[in-house]
Amino acid sequence: MGKDKKNKFKTPEGYFDNFHDRLMDRIQQEDSQAEKSMIPKSDGFAVPETYFEDLAPKVIAQLEPKEVKVVQLKSYKKIYYSIAGVAAVLLLFFGLNRNKVDTVTFDDLANSELEAYFDTNDFNLSSYEIAEVVSLDQIELSDMLDQNLGEEQILEYLDENVEDIEDLNLDYNDYD
């Protein structure tokens, strides 16, 4: 900022070499000429005569407590505690319900939903592949039909659709 500016104030050469001696000489001269002295004999500060005797009681009087009007600040602790309580209850409620998982069982599915699933998804399985997966010991005719067929209905069907009943190789004695 001011590197190129030169200092305008200069002191004469050797000024500080004998400064102390010159100052002491001047003070001695002024002491000898007390009337014209530029240095004052007193510093201008004076302490009253009983200042230090009266100081202690004045300080103690100022330290004594005075009646002060007390203004109570509104306490927000009750509000904070109630908010914390509500937050804790909500946290518990949602925390416990979050861990609760509703498991869907096969019984919960409607038959129409199952049929719609199998209709929309093509598994490309032939009847032989399905027969390999499903055991014949567990399957019955009533599982595949919407209605249960009685013995009379089966015999009526066979009478209408089969010409020679002997071709079926049925033993009627086994069913009696």
C-alpha atoms as a PDB file:
ATOM      1  CA  MET A   1       0.000   0.000   0.000  1.00  0.00           C
ATOM      2  CA  GLY A   2       2.720   2.496   0.826  1.00  0.00           C
ATOM      3  CA  LYS A   3       5.944   0.762  -0.179  1.00  0.00           C
ATOM      4  CA  ASP A   4       6.973   3.412  -2.655  1.00  0.00           C
ATOM      5  CA  LYS A   5       6.113   6.335  -0.340  1.00  0.00           C
ATOM      6  CA  LYS A   6       8.963   7.732   1.685  1.00  0.00           C
ATOM      7  CA  ASN A   7       8.752   8.649   5.342  1.00  0.00           C
ATOM      8  CA  LYS A   8       8.285  12.414   5.521  1.00  0.00           C
ATOM      9  CA  PHE A   9       9.361  12.666   9.156  1.00  0.00           C
ATOM     10  CA  LYS A  10      13.078  12.663   9.768  1.00  0.00           C
ATOM     11  CA  THR A  11      15.133  13.027  12.898  1.00  0.00           C
ATOM     12  CA  PRO A  12      18.491  14.706  12.898  1.00  0.00           C
ATOM     13  CA  GLU A  13      21.564  12.508  12.941  1.00  0.00           C
ATOM     14  CA  GLY A  14      22.684  11.541  16.446  1.00  0.00           C
ATOM     15  CA  TYR A  15      19.449  12.848  18.005  1.00  0.00           C
ATOM     16  CA  PHE A  16      18.840   9.736  20.127  1.00  0.00           C
ATOM     17  CA  ASP A  17      22.515   9.302  21.042  1.00  0.00           C
ATOM     18  CA  ASN A  18      22.498  12.099  23.585  1.00  0.00           C
ATOM     19  CA  PHE A  19      18.743  12.517  24.162  1.00  0.00           C
ATOM     20  CA  HIS A  20      18.860  11.227  27.743  1.00  0.00           C
ATOM     21  CA  ASP A  21      21.614  13.618  28.738  1.00  0.00           C
ATOM     22  CA  ARG A  22      19.807  16.601  27.232  1.00  0.00           C
ATOM     23  CA  LEU A  23      16.516  15.670  28.972  1.00  0.00           C
ATOM     24  CA  MET A  24      18.166  15.419  32.373  1.00  0.00           C
ATOM     25  CA  ASP A  25      19.898  18.763  31.910  1.00  0.00           C
ATOM     26  CA  ARG A  26      16.628  20.472  31.059  1.00  0.00           C
ATOM     27  CA  ILE A  27      14.855  19.006  34.103  1.00  0.00           C
ATOM     28  CA  GLN A  28      17.644  20.308  36.408  1.00  0.00           C
ATOM     29  CA  GLN A  29      17.417  23.759  34.856  1.00  0.00           C
ATOM     30  CA  GLU A  30      13.681  23.939  35.416  1.00  0.00           C
ATOM     31  CA  ASP A  31      14.042  22.786  38.999  1.00  0.00           C
ATOM     32  CA  SER A  32      16.463  25.636  39.653  1.00  0.00           C
ATOM     33  CA  GLN A  33      14.052  28.088  38.033  1.00  0.00           C
ATOM     34  CA  ALA A  34      10.919  26.861  39.843  1.00  0.00           C
ATOM     35  CA  GLU A  35       8.852  29.834  38.857  1.00  0.00           C
ATOM     36  CA  LYS A  36       9.058  29.280  35.134  1.00  0.00           C
ATOM     37  CA  SER A  37       8.964  25.480  35.164  1.00  0.00           C
ATOM     38  CA  MET A  38       6.945  23.767  32.444  1.00  0.00           C
ATOM     39  CA  ILE A  39       6.706  20.560  34.432  1.00  0.00           C
ATOM     40  CA  PRO A  40       4.016  20.844  37.111  1.00  0.00           C
ATOM     41  CA  LYS A  41       4.955  20.070  40.679  1.00  0.00           C
ATOM     42  CA  SER A  42       1.723  18.147  41.331  1.00  0.00           C
ATOM     43  CA  ASP A  43      -0.001  15.814  38.946  1.00  0.00           C
ATOM     44  CA  GLY A  44      -3.411  17.433  39.383  1.00  0.00           C
ATOM     45  CA  PHE A  45      -5.068  14.447  40.981  1.00  0.00           C
ATOM     46  CA  ALA A  46      -6.090  14.701  44.602  1.00  0.00           C
ATOM     47  CA  VAL A  47      -7.957  12.317  46.897  1.00  0.00           C
ATOM     48  CA  PRO A  48     -10.417  13.792  49.396  1.00  0.00           C
ATOM     49  CA  GLU A  49      -9.277  13.506  52.999  1.00  0.00           C
ATOM     50  CA  THR A  50     -11.919  10.967  54.252  1.00  0.00           C
ATOM     51  CA  TYR A  51     -12.218   9.071  51.000  1.00  0.00           C
ATOM     52  CA  PHE A  52     -10.795   5.760  52.201  1.00  0.00           C
ATOM     53  CA  GLU A  53     -12.680   5.851  55.542  1.00  0.00           C
ATOM     54  CA  ASP A  54     -16.029   6.290  53.760  1.00  0.00           C
ATOM     55  CA  LEU A  55     -15.253   3.833  50.924  1.00  0.00           C
ATOM     56  CA  ALA A  56     -15.995   0.516  52.723  1.00  0.00           C
ATOM     57  CA  PRO A  57     -19.513   1.447  53.936  1.00  0.00           C
ATOM     58  CA  LYS A  58     -20.432   2.808  50.490  1.00  0.00           C
ATOM     59  CA  VAL A  59     -19.321  -0.397  48.738  1.00  0.00           C
ATOM     60  CA  ILE A  60     -21.189  -2.604  51.240  1.00  0.00           C
ATOM     61  CA  ALA A  61     -24.328  -0.506  50.815  1.00  0.00           C
ATOM     62  CA  GLN A  62     -24.218  -1.060  47.079  1.00  0.00           C
ATOM     63  CA  LEU A  63     -23.775  -4.813  47.520  1.00  0.00           C
ATOM     64  CA  GLU A  64     -26.892  -5.228  49.669  1.00  0.00           C
ATOM     65  CA  PRO A  65     -29.741  -6.712  47.625  1.00  0.00           C
ATOM     66  CA  LYS A  66     -32.557  -4.407  46.705  1.00  0.00           C
ATOM     67  CA  GLU A  67     -36.118  -5.451  46.078  1.00  0.00           C
ATOM     68  CA  VAL A  68     -36.378  -6.205  42.406  1.00  0.00           C
ATOM     69  CA  LYS A  69     -39.498  -6.976  40.464  1.00  0.00           C
ATOM     70  CA  VAL A  70     -39.282 -10.620  39.362  1.00  0.00           C
ATOM     71  CA  VAL A  71     -40.840 -11.506  36.044  1.00  0.00           C
ATOM     72  CA  GLN A  72     -41.468 -15.220  35.585  1.00  0.00           C
ATOM     73  CA  LEU A  73     -40.650 -16.571  32.179  1.00  0.00           C
ATOM     74  CA  LYS A  74     -43.157 -18.979  30.723  1.00  0.00           C
ATOM     75  CA  SER A  75     -41.936 -22.530  31.196  1.00  0.00           C
ATOM     76  CA  TYR A  76     -42.014 -24.616  28.059  1.00  0.00           C
ATOM     77  CA  LYS A  77     -41.069 -27.848  29.826  1.00  0.00           C
ATOM     78  CA  LYS A  78     -44.661 -29.074  29.953  1.00  0.00           C
ATOM     79  CA  ILE A  79     -45.049 -28.507  26.228  1.00  0.00           C
ATOM     80  CA  TYR A  80     -41.766 -30.279  25.464  1.00  0.00           C
ATOM     81  CA  TYR A  81     -42.695 -33.238  27.647  1.00  0.00           C
ATOM     82  CA  SER A  82     -46.126 -33.595  26.058  1.00  0.00           C
ATOM     83  CA  ILE A  83     -44.670 -33.432  22.533  1.00  0.00           C
ATOM     84  CA  ALA A  84     -42.042 -36.023  23.466  1.00  0.00           C
ATOM     85  CA  GLY A  85     -44.770 -38.279  24.893  1.00  0.00           C
ATOM     86  CA  VAL A  86     -46.894 -38.062  21.754  1.00  0.00           C
ATOM     87  CA  ALA A  87     -43.842 -38.750  19.590  1.00  0.00           C
ATOM     88  CA  ALA A  88     -42.956 -41.794  21.704  1.00  0.00           C
ATOM     89  CA  VAL A  89     -46.503 -43.183  21.425  1.00  0.00           C
ATOM     90  CA  LEU A  90     -46.525 -42.693  17.655  1.00  0.00           C
ATOM     91  CA  LEU A  91     -43.102 -44.272  17.326  1.00  0.00           C
ATOM     92  CA  LEU A  92     -44.219 -47.302  19.314  1.00  0.00           C
ATOM     93  CA  PHE A  93     -47.465 -47.608  17.372  1.00  0.00           C
ATOM     94  CA  PHE A  94     -45.863 -47.442  13.946  1.00  0.00           C
ATOM     95  CA  GLY A  95     -42.817 -49.436  15.028  1.00  0.00           C
ATOM     96  CA  LEU A  96     -44.910 -52.342  16.258  1.00  0.00           C
ATOM     97  CA  ASN A  97     -47.219 -52.292  13.246  1.00  0.00           C
ATOM     98  CA  ARG A  98     -44.335 -52.154  10.805  1.00  0.00           C
ATOM     99  CA  ASN A  99     -42.953 -55.486  11.968  1.00  0.00           C
ATOM    100  CA  LYS A 100     -46.362 -57.128  11.694  1.00  0.00           C
ATOM    101  CA  VAL A 101     -46.515 -58.866   8.314  1.00  0.00           C
ATOM    102  CA  ASP A 102     -49.791 -60.240   7.016  1.00  0.00           C
ATOM    103  CA  THR A 103     -49.040 -63.616   5.490  1.00  0.00           C
ATOM    104  CA  VAL A 104     -51.253 -64.626   2.617  1.00  0.00           C
ATOM    105  CA  THR A 105     -52.215 -68.272   2.586  1.00  0.00           C
ATOM    106  CA  PHE A 106     -53.547 -70.383  -0.220  1.00  0.00           C
ATOM    107  CA  ASP A 107     -56.979 -70.404   1.426  1.00  0.00           C
ATOM    108  CA  ASP A 108     -57.134 -66.596   1.202  1.00  0.00           C
ATOM    109  CA  LEU A 109     -57.052 -66.670  -2.581  1.00  0.00           C
ATOM    110  CA  ALA A 110     -60.383 -66.843  -4.358  1.00  0.00           C
ATOM    111  CA  ASN A 111     -60.977 -69.511  -6.972  1.00  0.00           C
ATOM    112  CA  SER A 112     -61.639 -66.853  -9.587  1.00  0.00           C
ATOM    113  CA  GLU A 113     -58.219 -65.281  -8.899  1.00  0.00           C
ATOM    114  CA  LEU A 114     -56.499 -68.637  -9.330  1.00  0.00           C
ATOM    115  CA  GLU A 115     -58.354 -69.345 -12.572  1.00  0.00           C
ATOM    116  CA  ALA A 116     -57.530 -65.868 -13.892  1.00  0.00           C
ATOM    117  CA  TYR A 117     -53.857 -66.430 -13.055  1.00  0.00           C
ATOM    118  CA  PHE A 118     -53.680 -69.731 -14.905  1.00  0.00           C
ATOM    119  CA  ASP A 119     -55.616 -68.283 -17.851  1.00  0.00           C
ATOM    120  CA  THR A 120     -53.339 -65.267 -18.244  1.00  0.00           C
ATOM    121  CA  ASN A 121     -50.017 -67.078 -17.699  1.00  0.00           C
ATOM    122  CA  ASP A 122     -49.026 -69.623 -20.273  1.00  0.00           C
ATOM    123  CA  PHE A 123     -46.859 -72.339 -18.766  1.00  0.00           C
ATOM    124  CA  ASN A 124     -46.462 -74.342 -21.995  1.00  0.00           C
ATOM    125  CA  LEU A 125     -47.003 -77.624 -20.179  1.00  0.00           C
ATOM    126  CA  SER A 126     -48.471 -80.581 -21.941  1.00  0.00           C
ATOM    127  CA  SER A 127     -50.918 -82.924 -20.248  1.00  0.00           C
ATOM    128  CA  TYR A 128     -48.130 -85.509 -19.928  1.00  0.00           C
ATOM    129  CA  GLU A 129     -45.891 -83.045 -18.088  1.00  0.00           C
ATOM    130  CA  ILE A 130     -48.728 -82.169 -15.723  1.00  0.00           C
ATOM    131  CA  ALA A 131     -49.395 -85.883 -15.156  1.00  0.00           C
ATOM    132  CA  GLU A 132     -45.751 -86.375 -14.152  1.00  0.00           C
ATOM    133  CA  VAL A 133     -46.010 -83.683 -11.478  1.00  0.00           C
ATOM    134  CA  VAL A 134     -49.419 -84.675 -10.041  1.00  0.00           C
ATOM    135  CA  SER A 135     -49.524 -88.098  -8.416  1.00  0.00           C
ATOM    136  CA  LEU A 136     -52.539 -90.215  -9.326  1.00  0.00           C
ATOM    137  CA  ASP A 137     -52.878 -91.498  -5.779  1.00  0.00           C
ATOM    138  CA  GLN A 138     -53.979 -88.091  -4.545  1.00  0.00           C
ATOM    139  CA  ILE A 139     -56.268 -87.103  -7.392  1.00  0.00           C
ATOM    140  CA  GLU A 140     -59.939 -87.994  -7.664  1.00  0.00           C
ATOM    141  CA  LEU A 141     -62.513 -87.388 -10.340  1.00  0.00           C
ATOM    142  CA  SER A 142     -64.387 -84.957  -8.108  1.00  0.00           C
ATOM    143  CA  ASP A 143     -61.268 -82.698  -7.950  1.00  0.00           C
ATOM    144  CA  MET A 144     -61.502 -82.030 -11.678  1.00  0.00           C
ATOM    145  CA  LEU A 145     -65.221 -81.531 -11.948  1.00  0.00           C
ATOM    146  CA  ASP A 146     -67.307 -78.660 -10.718  1.00  0.00           C
ATOM    147  CA  GLN A 147     -70.072 -81.039  -9.665  1.00  0.00           C
ATOM    148  CA  ASN A 148     -69.854 -84.363  -7.920  1.00  0.00           C
ATOM    149  CA  LEU A 149     -71.101 -87.146 -10.111  1.00  0.00           C
ATOM    150  CA  GLY A 150     -73.231 -89.807  -8.617  1.00  0.00           C
ATOM    151  CA  GLU A 151     -73.170 -93.455  -9.636  1.00  0.00           C
ATOM    152  CA  GLU A 152     -76.448 -93.107 -11.536  1.00  0.00           C
ATOM    153  CA  GLN A 153     -75.135 -90.214 -13.617  1.00  0.00           C
ATOM    154  CA  ILE A 154     -72.044 -92.211 -14.604  1.00  0.00           C
ATOM    155  CA  LEU A 155     -74.079 -95.229 -15.658  1.00  0.00           C
ATOM    156  CA  GLU A 156     -76.442 -93.042 -17.665  1.00  0.00           C
ATOM    157  CA  TYR A 157     -73.493 -91.430 -19.456  1.00  0.00           C
ATOM    158  CA  LEU A 158     -72.024 -94.824 -20.279  1.00  0.00           C
ATOM    159  CA  ASP A 159     -75.364 -96.108 -21.616  1.00  0.00           C
ATOM    160  CA  GLU A 160     -75.652 -93.154 -23.951  1.00  0.00           C
ATOM    161  CA  ASN A 161     -72.059 -93.051 -25.206  1.00  0.00           C
ATOM    162  CA  VAL A 162     -70.767 -96.642 -25.093  1.00  0.00           C
ATOM    163  CA  GLU A 163     -72.202 -99.254 -27.490  1.00  0.00           C
ATOM    164  CA  ASP A 164     -70.818-102.339 -25.905  1.00  0.00           C
ATOM    165  CA  ILE A 165     -70.522-102.141 -22.187  1.00  0.00           C
ATOM    166  CA  GLU A 166     -68.385-105.283 -22.142  1.00  0.00           C
ATOM    167  CA  ASP A 167     -65.591-103.340 -23.862  1.00  0.00           C
ATOM    168  CA  LEU A 168     -65.034-101.330 -20.715  1.00  0.00           C
ATOM    169  CA  ASN A 169     -63.945-104.401 -18.674  1.00  0.00           C
ATOM    170  CA  LEU A 170     -65.724-103.175 -15.575  1.00  0.00           C
ATOM    171  CA  ASP A 171     -66.421-105.409 -12.641  1.00  0.00           C
ATOM    172  CA  TYR A 172     -69.672-104.290 -11.101  1.00  0.00           C
ATOM    173  CA  ASN A 173     -69.097-106.596  -8.203  1.00  0.00           C
ATOM    174  CA  ASP A 174     -66.198-104.432  -6.935  1.00  0.00           C
ATOM    175  CA  TYR A 175     -68.516-101.436  -6.446  1.00  0.00           C
ATOM    176  CA  ASP A 176     -71.185-103.261  -4.421  1.00  0.00           C
END
